[in-house]
PDB file of N, CA and C in Angstrom:
ATOM      1  N   MET A   1      31.696 -41.192 -76.636  1.00  0.00           N
ATOM      2  CA  MET A   1      30.969 -42.132 -75.733  1.00  0.00           C
ATOM      3  C   MET A   1      29.588 -41.747 -75.128  1.00  0.00           C
ATOM      4  N   ARG A   2      28.908 -42.492 -74.856  1.00  0.00           N
ATOM      5  CA  ARG A   2      27.762 -42.590 -74.035  1.00  0.00           C
ATOM      6  C   ARG A   2      27.550 -42.890 -72.653  1.00  0.00           C
ATOM      7  N   PHE A   3      26.825 -42.261 -71.624  1.00  0.00           N
ATOM      8  CA  PHE A   3      26.852 -42.377 -70.263  1.00  0.00           C
ATOM      9  C   PHE A   3      25.419 -42.572 -69.674  1.00  0.00           C
ATOM     10  N   LEU A   4      25.341 -43.354 -68.662  1.00  0.00           N
ATOM     11  CA  LEU A   4      24.128 -43.311 -68.174  1.00  0.00           C
ATOM     12  C   LEU A   4      24.574 -42.988 -66.431  1.00  0.00           C
ATOM     13  N   ALA A   5      24.280 -42.033 -66.147  1.00  0.00           N
ATOM     14  CA  ALA A   5      24.456 -41.432 -64.579  1.00  0.00           C
ATOM     15  C   ALA A   5      23.452 -42.131 -63.706  1.00  0.00           C
ATOM     16  N   ASP A   6      23.907 -42.897 -62.407  1.00  0.00           N
ATOM     17  CA  ASP A   6      23.442 -43.422 -61.244  1.00  0.00           C
ATOM     18  C   ASP A   6      22.752 -42.362 -60.726  1.00  0.00           C
ATOM     19  N   MET A   7      21.842 -42.550 -59.546  1.00  0.00           N
ATOM     20  CA  MET A   7      21.321 -41.614 -58.814  1.00  0.00           C
ATOM     21  C   MET A   7      22.379 -40.690 -58.225  1.00  0.00           C
ATOM     22  N   GLY A   8      23.233 -41.348 -57.859  1.00  0.00           N
ATOM     23  CA  GLY A   8      24.384 -40.748 -56.885  1.00  0.00           C
ATOM     24  C   GLY A   8      25.131 -39.580 -57.552  1.00  0.00           C
ATOM     25  N   VAL A   9      25.260 -39.728 -58.845  1.00  0.00           N
ATOM     26  CA  VAL A   9      25.735 -38.770 -59.467  1.00  0.00           C
ATOM     27  C   VAL A   9      25.028 -37.654 -59.760  1.00  0.00           C
ATOM     28  N   GLY A  10      25.370 -36.527 -59.477  1.00  0.00           N
ATOM     29  CA  GLY A  10      25.144 -35.078 -59.410  1.00  0.00           C
ATOM     30  C   GLY A  10      24.811 -34.730 -60.945  1.00  0.00           C
ATOM     31  N   GLN A  11      23.337 -33.787 -61.018  1.00  0.00           N
ATOM     32  CA  GLN A  11      23.243 -33.711 -62.005  1.00  0.00           C
ATOM     33  C   GLN A  11      24.530 -32.516 -62.842  1.00  0.00           C
ATOM     34  N   ARG A  12      24.653 -31.547 -61.929  1.00  0.00           N
ATOM     35  CA  ARG A  12      25.906 -30.826 -62.544  1.00  0.00           C
ATOM     36  C   ARG A  12      26.887 -31.370 -63.173  1.00  0.00           C
ATOM     37  N   VAL A  13      27.264 -32.686 -63.032  1.00  0.00           N
ATOM     38  CA  VAL A  13      28.417 -33.554 -63.263  1.00  0.00           C
ATOM     39  C   VAL A  13      27.701 -34.072 -64.789  1.00  0.00           C
ATOM     40  N   VAL A  14      26.378 -34.162 -65.175  1.00  0.00           N
ATOM     41  CA  VAL A  14      25.920 -34.868 -66.410  1.00  0.00           C
ATOM     42  C   VAL A  14      25.960 -33.370 -67.238  1.00  0.00           C
ATOM     43  N   GLU A  15      25.574 -32.358 -66.715  1.00  0.00           N
ATOM     44  CA  GLU A  15      25.536 -31.327 -67.272  1.00  0.00           C
ATOM     45  C   GLU A  15      26.862 -30.726 -68.149  1.00  0.00           C
ATOM     46  N   TRP A  16      28.072 -30.846 -67.108  1.00  0.00           N
ATOM     47  CA  TRP A  16      29.468 -30.787 -67.435  1.00  0.00           C
ATOM     48  C   TRP A  16      29.902 -31.801 -68.766  1.00  0.00           C
ATOM     49  N   LEU A  17      29.180 -33.171 -68.496  1.00  0.00           N
ATOM     50  CA  LEU A  17      29.669 -33.965 -69.724  1.00  0.00           C
ATOM     51  C   LEU A  17      28.909 -33.576 -71.012  1.00  0.00           C
ATOM     52  N   ARG A  18      27.689 -33.232 -70.928  1.00  0.00           N
ATOM     53  CA  ARG A  18      26.744 -32.816 -72.171  1.00  0.00           C
ATOM     54  C   ARG A  18      27.821 -31.644 -72.932  1.00  0.00           C
ATOM     55  N   THR A  19      28.330 -30.491 -72.100  1.00  0.00           N
ATOM     56  CA  THR A  19      28.788 -29.237 -72.704  1.00  0.00           C
ATOM     57  C   THR A  19      30.516 -29.936 -72.948  1.00  0.00           C
ATOM     58  N   GLU A  20      31.040 -31.063 -72.795  1.00  0.00           N
ATOM     59  CA  GLU A  20      31.924 -31.612 -73.279  1.00  0.00           C
ATOM     60  C   GLU A  20      31.633 -32.330 -74.534  1.00  0.00           C
ATOM     61  N   GLY A  21      30.627 -32.344 -74.894  1.00  0.00           N
ATOM     62  CA  GLY A  21      30.062 -33.449 -75.939  1.00  0.00           C
ATOM     63  C   GLY A  21      29.664 -34.824 -75.997  1.00  0.00           C
ATOM     64  N   TYR A  22      29.289 -35.146 -74.534  1.00  0.00           N
ATOM     65  CA  TYR A  22      29.032 -36.507 -74.402  1.00  0.00           C
ATOM     66  C   TYR A  22      27.661 -36.764 -74.378  1.00  0.00           C
ATOM     67  N   ASP A  23      27.235 -37.901 -75.056  1.00  0.00           N
ATOM     68  CA  ASP A  23      25.815 -38.170 -75.018  1.00  0.00           C
ATOM     69  C   ASP A  23      25.541 -38.707 -73.395  1.00  0.00           C
ATOM     70  N   VAL A  24      24.735 -37.783 -72.540  1.00  0.00           N
ATOM     71  CA  VAL A  24      24.605 -38.696 -71.134  1.00  0.00           C
ATOM     72  C   VAL A  24      23.007 -38.615 -70.734  1.00  0.00           C
ATOM     73  N   VAL A  25      22.648 -39.193 -70.087  1.00  0.00           N
ATOM     74  CA  VAL A  25      21.489 -39.325 -69.387  1.00  0.00           C
ATOM     75  C   VAL A  25      21.511 -39.689 -68.049  1.00  0.00           C
ATOM     76  N   HIS A  26      20.749 -39.215 -67.132  1.00  0.00           N
ATOM     77  CA  HIS A  26      20.764 -39.294 -65.778  1.00  0.00           C
ATOM     78  C   HIS A  26      19.104 -40.080 -65.651  1.00  0.00           C
ATOM     79  N   LEU A  27      19.550 -41.234 -64.515  1.00  0.00           N
ATOM     80  CA  LEU A  27      18.156 -41.982 -64.425  1.00  0.00           C
ATOM     81  C   LEU A  27      16.916 -41.336 -64.095  1.00  0.00           C
ATOM     82  N   ARG A  28      17.364 -40.358 -63.321  1.00  0.00           N
ATOM     83  CA  ARG A  28      16.077 -39.457 -62.910  1.00  0.00           C
ATOM     84  C   ARG A  28      15.019 -38.483 -63.861  1.00  0.00           C
ATOM     85  N   GLU A  29      16.056 -38.080 -64.725  1.00  0.00           N
ATOM     86  CA  GLU A  29      15.558 -37.574 -66.398  1.00  0.00           C
ATOM     87  C   GLU A  29      14.468 -38.412 -66.846  1.00  0.00           C
ATOM     88  N   GLU A  30      14.821 -39.926 -66.655  1.00  0.00           N
ATOM     89  CA  GLU A  30      13.935 -40.861 -67.207  1.00  0.00           C
ATOM     90  C   GLU A  30      12.862 -41.293 -66.269  1.00  0.00           C
ATOM     91  N   GLY A  31      12.791 -41.083 -65.069  1.00  0.00           N
ATOM     92  CA  GLY A  31      11.770 -41.232 -64.150  1.00  0.00           C
ATOM     93  C   GLY A  31      12.082 -42.579 -63.217  1.00  0.00           C
ATOM     94  N   LEU A  32      13.591 -42.932 -63.683  1.00  0.00           N
ATOM     95  CA  LEU A  32      14.303 -44.422 -63.365  1.00  0.00           C
ATOM     96  C   LEU A  32      14.844 -44.405 -61.674  1.00  0.00           C
ATOM     97  N   GLN A  33      14.278 -43.795 -60.992  1.00  0.00           N
ATOM     98  CA  GLN A  33      14.952 -43.433 -59.642  1.00  0.00           C
ATOM     99  C   GLN A  33      15.093 -44.936 -58.980  1.00  0.00           C
ATOM    100  N   ARG A  34      14.244 -45.339 -58.961  1.00  0.00           N
ATOM    101  CA  ARG A  34      14.051 -46.964 -57.980  1.00  0.00           C
ATOM    102  C   ARG A  34      14.410 -47.929 -58.919  1.00  0.00           C
ATOM    103  N   LEU A  35      15.172 -47.990 -59.816  1.00  0.00           N
ATOM    104  CA  LEU A  35      15.087 -49.068 -60.983  1.00  0.00           C
ATOM    105  C   LEU A  35      16.539 -49.739 -60.045  1.00  0.00           C
ATOM    106  N   PRO A  36      16.316 -51.037 -59.915  1.00  0.00           N
ATOM    107  CA  PRO A  36      17.359 -51.931 -59.263  1.00  0.00           C
ATOM    108  C   PRO A  36      18.918 -51.856 -60.285  1.00  0.00           C
ATOM    109  N   ASN A  37      19.419 -52.040 -59.372  1.00  0.00           N
ATOM    110  CA  ASN A  37      21.565 -51.951 -59.903  1.00  0.00           C
ATOM    111  C   ASN A  37      21.198 -52.740 -60.996  1.00  0.00           C
ATOM    112  N   GLY A  38      20.878 -54.086 -61.096  1.00  0.00           N
ATOM    113  CA  GLY A  38      21.011 -55.106 -61.953  1.00  0.00           C
ATOM    114  C   GLY A  38      20.330 -54.448 -63.223  1.00  0.00           C
ATOM    115  N   GLU A  39      18.856 -53.750 -63.348  1.00  0.00           N
ATOM    116  CA  GLU A  39      18.417 -53.353 -64.386  1.00  0.00           C
ATOM    117  C   GLU A  39      18.801 -51.939 -65.223  1.00  0.00           C
ATOM    118  N   ILE A  40      19.722 -51.261 -64.139  1.00  0.00           N
ATOM    119  CA  ILE A  40      20.397 -50.649 -64.780  1.00  0.00           C
ATOM    120  C   ILE A  40      21.367 -50.548 -65.372  1.00  0.00           C
ATOM    121  N   PHE A  41      22.153 -51.888 -65.086  1.00  0.00           N
ATOM    122  CA  PHE A  41      23.177 -52.720 -65.877  1.00  0.00           C
ATOM    123  C   PHE A  41      22.817 -53.093 -67.110  1.00  0.00           C
ATOM    124  N   LYS A  42      21.513 -53.880 -67.149  1.00  0.00           N
ATOM    125  CA  LYS A  42      21.143 -54.022 -68.420  1.00  0.00           C
ATOM    126  C   LYS A  42      20.440 -52.821 -69.313  1.00  0.00           C
ATOM    127  N   LYS A  43      20.318 -51.997 -69.018  1.00  0.00           N
ATOM    128  CA  LYS A  43      19.732 -50.640 -69.571  1.00  0.00           C
ATOM    129  C   LYS A  43      21.090 -50.135 -70.413  1.00  0.00           C
ATOM    130  N   ALA A  44      22.261 -50.064 -69.595  1.00  0.00           N
ATOM    131  CA  ALA A  44      23.272 -49.724 -69.938  1.00  0.00           C
ATOM    132  C   ALA A  44      24.139 -50.651 -71.327  1.00  0.00           C
ATOM    133  N   ILE A  45      23.759 -51.667 -71.164  1.00  0.00           N
ATOM    134  CA  ILE A  45      24.167 -52.519 -72.034  1.00  0.00           C
ATOM    135  C   ILE A  45      23.427 -52.637 -73.221  1.00  0.00           C
ATOM    136  N   ALA A  46      21.837 -52.508 -73.116  1.00  0.00           N
ATOM    137  CA  ALA A  46      21.321 -52.355 -73.992  1.00  0.00           C
ATOM    138  C   ALA A  46      21.584 -50.989 -75.281  1.00  0.00           C
ATOM    139  N   GLU A  47      21.543 -49.977 -74.345  1.00  0.00           N
ATOM    140  CA  GLU A  47      22.056 -48.466 -74.969  1.00  0.00           C
ATOM    141  C   GLU A  47      23.197 -48.446 -75.436  1.00  0.00           C
ATOM    142  N   GLY A  48      24.211 -49.190 -75.101  1.00  0.00           N
ATOM    143  CA  GLY A  48      25.765 -48.968 -75.147  1.00  0.00           C
ATOM    144  C   GLY A  48      26.412 -47.766 -74.365  1.00  0.00           C
ATOM    145  N   ARG A  49      25.873 -48.054 -73.138  1.00  0.00           N
ATOM    146  CA  ARG A  49      25.899 -46.728 -72.314  1.00  0.00           C
ATOM    147  C   ARG A  49      27.473 -47.446 -71.335  1.00  0.00           C
ATOM    148  N   ILE A  50      27.885 -45.823 -70.802  1.00  0.00           N
ATOM    149  CA  ILE A  50      28.951 -46.770 -69.509  1.00  0.00           C
ATOM    150  C   ILE A  50      28.269 -46.013 -68.090  1.00  0.00           C
ATOM    151  N   VAL A  51      28.398 -46.739 -67.524  1.00  0.00           N
ATOM    152  CA  VAL A  51      27.331 -46.491 -65.966  1.00  0.00           C
ATOM    153  C   VAL A  51      28.586 -45.732 -65.461  1.00  0.00           C
ATOM    154  N   LEU A  52      27.977 -44.549 -65.000  1.00  0.00           N
ATOM    155  CA  LEU A  52      28.514 -43.692 -63.807  1.00  0.00           C
ATOM    156  C   LEU A  52      27.839 -43.654 -62.239  1.00  0.00           C
ATOM    157  N   THR A  53      28.702 -44.014 -61.362  1.00  0.00           N
ATOM    158  CA  THR A  53      27.956 -44.483 -60.099  1.00  0.00           C
ATOM    159  C   THR A  53      28.905 -44.203 -58.870  1.00  0.00           C
ATOM    160  N   PHE A  54      28.322 -44.301 -57.997  1.00  0.00           N
ATOM    161  CA  PHE A  54      29.192 -44.328 -56.733  1.00  0.00           C
ATOM    162  C   PHE A  54      28.466 -45.589 -55.781  1.00  0.00           C
ATOM    163  N   ASP A  55      28.006 -46.663 -56.483  1.00  0.00           N
ATOM    164  CA  ASP A  55      27.611 -47.275 -55.708  1.00  0.00           C
ATOM    165  C   ASP A  55      28.350 -48.882 -56.024  1.00  0.00           C
ATOM    166  N   LEU A  56      29.167 -49.094 -54.877  1.00  0.00           N
ATOM    167  CA  LEU A  56      30.019 -50.173 -55.049  1.00  0.00           C
ATOM    168  C   LEU A  56      29.177 -51.619 -55.483  1.00  0.00           C
ATOM    169  N   ASP A  57      28.324 -51.744 -55.540  1.00  0.00           N
ATOM    170  CA  ASP A  57      27.658 -53.209 -56.037  1.00  0.00           C
ATOM    171  C   ASP A  57      27.867 -53.311 -57.311  1.00  0.00           C
ATOM    172  N   PHE A  58      28.259 -52.232 -58.276  1.00  0.00           N
ATOM    173  CA  PHE A  58      28.460 -52.382 -59.470  1.00  0.00           C
ATOM    174  C   PHE A  58      29.814 -52.787 -60.208  1.00  0.00           C
ATOM    175  N   GLY A  59      30.548 -52.990 -58.919  1.00  0.00           N
ATOM    176  CA  GLY A  59      31.694 -53.667 -58.898  1.00  0.00           C
ATOM    177  C   GLY A  59      31.540 -55.205 -59.295  1.00  0.00           C
ATOM    178  N   GLU A  60      30.833 -55.740 -58.322  1.00  0.00           N
ATOM    179  CA  GLU A  60      30.496 -57.310 -58.330  1.00  0.00           C
ATOM    180  C   GLU A  60      29.561 -57.574 -59.331  1.00  0.00           C
ATOM    181  N   ILE A  61      28.407 -56.329 -59.766  1.00  0.00           N
ATOM    182  CA  ILE A  61      27.478 -56.758 -61.212  1.00  0.00           C
ATOM    183  C   ILE A  61      28.535 -56.920 -62.386  1.00  0.00           C
ATOM    184  N   VAL A  62      29.097 -56.072 -62.881  1.00  0.00           N
ATOM    185  CA  VAL A  62      30.397 -56.512 -63.699  1.00  0.00           C
ATOM    186  C   VAL A  62      30.969 -57.726 -63.630  1.00  0.00           C
ATOM    187  N   ALA A  63      31.988 -57.826 -62.133  1.00  0.00           N
ATOM    188  CA  ALA A  63      32.582 -59.008 -62.517  1.00  0.00           C
ATOM    189  C   ALA A  63      31.676 -60.163 -62.829  1.00  0.00           C
ATOM    190  N   SER A  64      30.165 -60.542 -62.254  1.00  0.00           N
ATOM    191  CA  SER A  64      29.568 -61.688 -62.509  1.00  0.00           C
ATOM    192  C   SER A  64      29.057 -61.611 -63.593  1.00  0.00           C
ATOM    193  N   SER A  65      28.897 -60.281 -64.514  1.00  0.00           N
ATOM    194  CA  SER A  65      28.042 -60.370 -65.645  1.00  0.00           C
ATOM    195  C   SER A  65      28.338 -61.537 -67.454  1.00  0.00           C
ATOM    196  N   GLY A  66      29.909 -61.209 -67.142  1.00  0.00           N
ATOM    197  CA  GLY A  66      30.519 -61.921 -68.510  1.00  0.00           C
ATOM    198  C   GLY A  66      30.351 -60.933 -69.491  1.00  0.00           C
ATOM    199  N   SER A  67      29.942 -59.714 -69.183  1.00  0.00           N
ATOM    200  CA  SER A  67      29.817 -58.852 -70.884  1.00  0.00           C
ATOM    201  C   SER A  67      30.888 -58.189 -70.726  1.00  0.00           C
ATOM    202  N   ARG A  68      31.566 -58.015 -72.087  1.00  0.00           N
ATOM    203  CA  ARG A  68      32.988 -57.246 -72.016  1.00  0.00           C
ATOM    204  C   ARG A  68      32.553 -55.680 -72.741  1.00  0.00           C
ATOM    205  N   ARG A  69      31.314 -55.476 -73.054  1.00  0.00           N
ATOM    206  CA  ARG A  69      30.834 -54.606 -73.735  1.00  0.00           C
ATOM    207  C   ARG A  69      30.389 -53.430 -72.906  1.00  0.00           C
ATOM    208  N   ALA A  70      30.137 -53.860 -71.454  1.00  0.00           N
ATOM    209  CA  ALA A  70      29.273 -52.435 -70.835  1.00  0.00           C
ATOM    210  C   ALA A  70      30.286 -52.178 -69.950  1.00  0.00           C
ATOM    211  N   SER A  71      31.230 -50.552 -69.627  1.00  0.00           N
ATOM    212  CA  SER A  71      31.686 -50.415 -68.798  1.00  0.00           C
ATOM    213  C   SER A  71      31.359 -49.649 -67.841  1.00  0.00           C
ATOM    214  N   VAL A  72      31.755 -49.292 -66.603  1.00  0.00           N
ATOM    215  CA  VAL A  72      31.517 -48.577 -65.423  1.00  0.00           C
ATOM    216  C   VAL A  72      32.442 -47.893 -65.093  1.00  0.00           C
ATOM    217  N   ILE A  73      32.409 -46.498 -64.583  1.00  0.00           N
ATOM    218  CA  ILE A  73      33.416 -45.770 -63.940  1.00  0.00           C
ATOM    219  C   ILE A  73      32.777 -45.832 -62.596  1.00  0.00           C
ATOM    220  N   LEU A  74      33.548 -46.014 -61.485  1.00  0.00           N
ATOM    221  CA  LEU A  74      32.734 -46.361 -60.157  1.00  0.00           C
ATOM    222  C   LEU A  74      33.407 -45.403 -59.616  1.00  0.00           C
ATOM    223  N   PHE A  75      32.940 -44.394 -58.667  1.00  0.00           N
ATOM    224  CA  PHE A  75      33.655 -43.227 -57.810  1.00  0.00           C
ATOM    225  C   PHE A  75      33.711 -44.116 -56.730  1.00  0.00           C
ATOM    226  N   ARG A  76      34.831 -43.982 -56.008  1.00  0.00           N
ATOM    227  CA  ARG A  76      35.229 -44.267 -54.434  1.00  0.00           C
ATOM    228  C   ARG A  76      35.886 -43.169 -53.943  1.00  0.00           C
ATOM    229  N   LEU A  77      34.869 -41.837 -53.526  1.00  0.00           N
ATOM    230  CA  LEU A  77      35.756 -40.644 -53.488  1.00  0.00           C
ATOM    231  C   LEU A  77      35.466 -40.021 -51.937  1.00  0.00           C
ATOM    232  N   HIS A  78      36.412 -39.818 -51.218  1.00  0.00           N
ATOM    233  CA  HIS A  78      35.549 -39.368 -50.184  1.00  0.00           C
ATOM    234  C   HIS A  78      35.221 -37.585 -50.413  1.00  0.00           C
ATOM    235  N   ASN A  79      36.119 -37.258 -51.100  1.00  0.00           N
ATOM    236  CA  ASN A  79      35.292 -35.590 -51.271  1.00  0.00           C
ATOM    237  C   ASN A  79      34.268 -36.247 -52.788  1.00  0.00           C
ATOM    238  N   THR A  80      32.770 -35.567 -52.692  1.00  0.00           N
ATOM    239  CA  THR A  80      32.147 -35.952 -53.586  1.00  0.00           C
ATOM    240  C   THR A  80      31.581 -34.514 -53.954  1.00  0.00           C
ATOM    241  N   ARG A  81      32.188 -33.551 -53.816  1.00  0.00           N
ATOM    242  CA  ARG A  81      31.986 -32.338 -54.188  1.00  0.00           C
ATOM    243  C   ARG A  81      32.061 -31.885 -55.573  1.00  0.00           C
ATOM    244  N   THR A  82      31.144 -31.441 -56.471  1.00  0.00           N
ATOM    245  CA  THR A  82      31.107 -31.490 -57.745  1.00  0.00           C
ATOM    246  C   THR A  82      31.890 -30.922 -58.631  1.00  0.00           C
ATOM    247  N   PRO A  83      32.783 -30.017 -58.353  1.00  0.00           N
ATOM    248  CA  PRO A  83      33.896 -29.870 -59.032  1.00  0.00           C
ATOM    249  C   PRO A  83      35.104 -30.786 -58.866  1.00  0.00           C
ATOM    250  N   TYR A  84      35.027 -31.184 -57.527  1.00  0.00           N
ATOM    251  CA  TYR A  84      36.030 -32.452 -57.878  1.00  0.00           C
ATOM    252  C   TYR A  84      35.842 -33.675 -58.510  1.00  0.00           C
ATOM    253  N   VAL A  85      34.436 -34.270 -58.461  1.00  0.00           N
ATOM    254  CA  VAL A  85      33.922 -35.409 -59.348  1.00  0.00           C
ATOM    255  C   VAL A  85      34.429 -34.870 -60.746  1.00  0.00           C
ATOM    256  N   ILE A  86      34.245 -33.796 -60.789  1.00  0.00           N
ATOM    257  CA  ILE A  86      34.612 -33.538 -62.678  1.00  0.00           C
ATOM    258  C   ILE A  86      35.884 -33.642 -62.837  1.00  0.00           C
ATOM    259  N   ALA A  87      36.782 -33.142 -61.825  1.00  0.00           N
ATOM    260  CA  ALA A  87      37.899 -33.025 -62.074  1.00  0.00           C
ATOM    261  C   ALA A  87      38.638 -34.594 -62.191  1.00  0.00           C
ATOM    262  N   ARG A  88      38.260 -35.326 -61.107  1.00  0.00           N
ATOM    263  CA  ARG A  88      38.746 -36.590 -61.292  1.00  0.00           C
ATOM    264  C   ARG A  88      38.210 -37.420 -62.717  1.00  0.00           C
ATOM    265  N   LEU A  89      36.899 -36.980 -63.051  1.00  0.00           N
ATOM    266  CA  LEU A  89      36.597 -37.640 -64.116  1.00  0.00           C
ATOM    267  C   LEU A  89      36.977 -37.044 -65.528  1.00  0.00           C
ATOM    268  N   ARG A  90      37.395 -35.944 -65.684  1.00  0.00           N
ATOM    269  CA  ARG A  90      38.274 -35.512 -66.800  1.00  0.00           C
ATOM    270  C   ARG A  90      39.595 -36.038 -67.078  1.00  0.00           C
ATOM    271  N   LYS A  91      40.241 -36.536 -65.840  1.00  0.00           N
ATOM    272  CA  LYS A  91      41.408 -37.307 -65.962  1.00  0.00           C
ATOM    273  C   LYS A  91      41.356 -38.536 -66.214  1.00  0.00           C
ATOM    274  N   VAL A  92      40.155 -39.447 -65.994  1.00  0.00           N
ATOM    275  CA  VAL A  92      39.749 -40.621 -66.459  1.00  0.00           C
ATOM    276  C   VAL A  92      39.597 -40.665 -67.618  1.00  0.00           C
ATOM    277  N   LEU A  93      38.951 -39.586 -68.226  1.00  0.00           N
ATOM    278  CA  LEU A  93      38.648 -39.699 -69.567  1.00  0.00           C
ATOM    279  C   LEU A  93      39.685 -39.320 -70.790  1.00  0.00           C
ATOM    280  N   GLN A  94      40.739 -38.408 -70.095  1.00  0.00           N
ATOM    281  CA  GLN A  94      41.618 -38.432 -70.824  1.00  0.00           C
ATOM    282  C   GLN A  94      42.820 -39.413 -71.019  1.00  0.00           C
ATOM    283  N   ASN A  95      42.653 -40.322 -70.149  1.00  0.00           N
ATOM    284  CA  ASN A  95      43.396 -41.439 -69.986  1.00  0.00           C
ATOM    285  C   ASN A  95      42.705 -43.157 -70.340  1.00  0.00           C
ATOM    286  N   SER A  96      41.446 -43.136 -70.210  1.00  0.00           N
ATOM    287  CA  SER A  96      40.549 -44.309 -70.206  1.00  0.00           C
ATOM    288  C   SER A  96      39.793 -44.678 -71.153  1.00  0.00           C
ATOM    289  N   ASN A  97      40.008 -43.655 -72.062  1.00  0.00           N
ATOM    290  CA  ASN A  97      38.627 -43.899 -73.494  1.00  0.00           C
ATOM    291  C   ASN A  97      38.689 -45.073 -73.943  1.00  0.00           C
ATOM    292  N   GLN A  98      39.863 -45.573 -74.623  1.00  0.00           N
ATOM    293  CA  GLN A  98      39.828 -47.019 -75.228  1.00  0.00           C
ATOM    294  C   GLN A  98      39.437 -47.986 -74.526  1.00  0.00           C
ATOM    295  N   ALA A  99      39.929 -48.358 -73.336  1.00  0.00           N
ATOM    296  CA  ALA A  99      39.340 -49.582 -72.460  1.00  0.00           C
ATOM    297  C   ALA A  99      37.817 -49.037 -72.037  1.00  0.00           C
ATOM    298  N   LEU A 100      37.536 -48.091 -71.719  1.00  0.00           N
ATOM    299  CA  LEU A 100      36.007 -47.822 -71.510  1.00  0.00           C
ATOM    300  C   LEU A 100      35.099 -48.214 -73.054  1.00  0.00           C
ATOM    301  N   GLU A 101      35.641 -47.938 -73.946  1.00  0.00           N
ATOM    302  CA  GLU A 101      34.959 -48.461 -75.438  1.00  0.00           C
ATOM    303  C   GLU A 101      35.083 -49.829 -75.554  1.00  0.00           C
ATOM    304  N   GLN A 102      36.222 -50.280 -74.904  1.00  0.00           N
ATOM    305  CA  GLN A 102      36.306 -51.920 -75.340  1.00  0.00           C
ATOM    306  C   GLN A 102      35.736 -52.805 -74.098  1.00  0.00           C
ATOM    307  N   GLY A 103      35.257 -52.060 -73.090  1.00  0.00           N
ATOM    308  CA  GLY A 103      34.657 -52.956 -71.762  1.00  0.00           C
ATOM    309  C   GLY A 103      35.575 -52.849 -70.738  1.00  0.00           C
ATOM    310  N   ALA A 104      35.115 -52.077 -69.623  1.00  0.00           N
ATOM    311  CA  ALA A 104      36.493 -51.909 -68.429  1.00  0.00           C
ATOM    312  C   ALA A 104      35.357 -51.368 -67.134  1.00  0.00           C
ATOM    313  N   ILE A 105      36.178 -51.621 -65.892  1.00  0.00           N
ATOM    314  CA  ILE A 105      35.693 -50.876 -65.100  1.00  0.00           C
ATOM    315  C   ILE A 105      36.686 -50.050 -64.454  1.00  0.00           C
ATOM    316  N   VAL A 106      36.633 -48.900 -64.196  1.00  0.00           N
ATOM    317  CA  VAL A 106      37.643 -47.754 -63.656  1.00  0.00           C
ATOM    318  C   VAL A 106      37.234 -47.300 -62.468  1.00  0.00           C
ATOM    319  N   VAL A 107      37.575 -47.542 -61.274  1.00  0.00           N
ATOM    320  CA  VAL A 107      37.866 -47.586 -60.137  1.00  0.00           C
ATOM    321  C   VAL A 107      38.240 -45.939 -59.803  1.00  0.00           C
ATOM    322  N   VAL A 108      38.026 -44.849 -59.561  1.00  0.00           N
ATOM    323  CA  VAL A 108      38.594 -43.961 -59.459  1.00  0.00           C
ATOM    324  C   VAL A 108      38.295 -43.048 -57.571  1.00  0.00           C
ATOM    325  N   GLU A 109      39.938 -43.002 -57.447  1.00  0.00           N
ATOM    326  CA  GLU A 109      40.061 -42.837 -56.251  1.00  0.00           C
ATOM    327  C   GLU A 109      40.691 -41.250 -56.164  1.00  0.00           C
ATOM    328  N   GLU A 110      40.867 -40.882 -54.763  1.00  0.00           N
ATOM    329  CA  GLU A 110      41.244 -39.733 -54.419  1.00  0.00           C
ATOM    330  C   GLU A 110      42.172 -39.176 -55.317  1.00  0.00           C
ATOM    331  N   SER A 111      43.445 -40.248 -55.118  1.00  0.00           N
ATOM    332  CA  SER A 111      44.780 -39.733 -55.806  1.00  0.00           C
ATOM    333  C   SER A 111      45.068 -40.525 -57.212  1.00  0.00           C
ATOM    334  N   ARG A 112      44.395 -41.587 -57.381  1.00  0.00           N
ATOM    335  CA  ARG A 112      44.559 -42.162 -58.529  1.00  0.00           C
ATOM    336  C   ARG A 112      43.159 -42.846 -59.135  1.00  0.00           C
ATOM    337  N   HIS A 113      43.711 -43.577 -60.436  1.00  0.00           N
ATOM    338  CA  HIS A 113      42.225 -44.563 -60.778  1.00  0.00           C
ATOM    339  C   HIS A 113      42.819 -45.593 -61.333  1.00  0.00           C
ATOM    340  N   ARG A 114      42.281 -46.866 -61.251  1.00  0.00           N
ATOM    341  CA  ARG A 114      42.517 -48.165 -61.973  1.00  0.00           C
ATOM    342  C   ARG A 114      41.549 -48.532 -62.916  1.00  0.00           C
ATOM    343  N   THR A 115      42.462 -49.238 -63.747  1.00  0.00           N
ATOM    344  CA  THR A 115      41.548 -49.730 -65.152  1.00  0.00           C
ATOM    345  C   THR A 115      41.671 -51.137 -64.991  1.00  0.00           C
ATOM    346  N   ARG A 116      40.349 -51.505 -64.939  1.00  0.00           N
ATOM    347  CA  ARG A 116      40.319 -53.278 -65.193  1.00  0.00           C
ATOM    348  C   ARG A 116      39.607 -53.492 -66.677  1.00  0.00           C
ATOM    349  N   ARG A 117      40.430 -54.075 -67.414  1.00  0.00           N
ATOM    350  CA  ARG A 117      39.851 -54.102 -69.172  1.00  0.00           C
ATOM    351  C   ARG A 117      39.495 -55.301 -68.755  1.00  0.00           C
ATOM    352  N   PHE A 118      38.295 -55.881 -69.756  1.00  0.00           N
ATOM    353  CA  PHE A 118      37.916 -57.294 -69.762  1.00  0.00           C
ATOM    354  C   PHE A 118      38.488 -57.617 -70.884  1.00  0.00           C
ATOM    355  N   SER A 119      39.159 -58.879 -70.747  1.00  0.00           N
ATOM    356  CA  SER A 119      40.016 -59.535 -71.677  1.00  0.00           C
ATOM    357  C   SER A 119      39.075 -60.500 -72.475  1.00  0.00           C
ATOM    358  N   HIS A 120      39.345 -60.860 -73.703  1.00  0.00           N
ATOM    359  CA  HIS A 120      38.221 -61.929 -74.361  1.00  0.00           C
ATOM    360  C   HIS A 120      38.219 -63.261 -73.996  1.00  0.00           C
ATOM    361  N   GLU A 121      38.821 -63.320 -73.008  1.00  0.00           N
ATOM    362  CA  GLU A 121      38.516 -64.726 -72.091  1.00  0.00           C
ATOM    363  C   GLU A 121      37.572 -64.515 -71.200  1.00  0.00           C
ATOM    364  N   ASP A 122      37.075 -63.590 -70.685  1.00  0.00           N
ATOM    365  CA  ASP A 122      35.901 -63.447 -69.756  1.00  0.00           C
ATOM    366  C   ASP A 122      34.545 -63.599 -70.221  1.00  0.00           C
TER     367      ASP A 122
END
């Protein structure tokens, strides 16, 4: 899987994903700190990447996009410390790989995560 980390995602989370063998880039690494959310989403689609974000706007962007192939992992956490974010992300990746590869939004909360797959009718 390939990931695109939004500005709210810490560099240490990106580094952890790389140690796990994932292809991941951070917007900051590409000098795209000010890229609008809609453009971030388009970039992710064009590059076949899953967006990692804390920005709630991405839920709405996904819902209105009609794209089945763009996935988003949306963190809705009170505890945003890196070790906790990594622990929650590890759990998501263990349980939601197939959905993310086919097109889904995964909302990550403190004690659970919810996956909404995009059906062929979307």
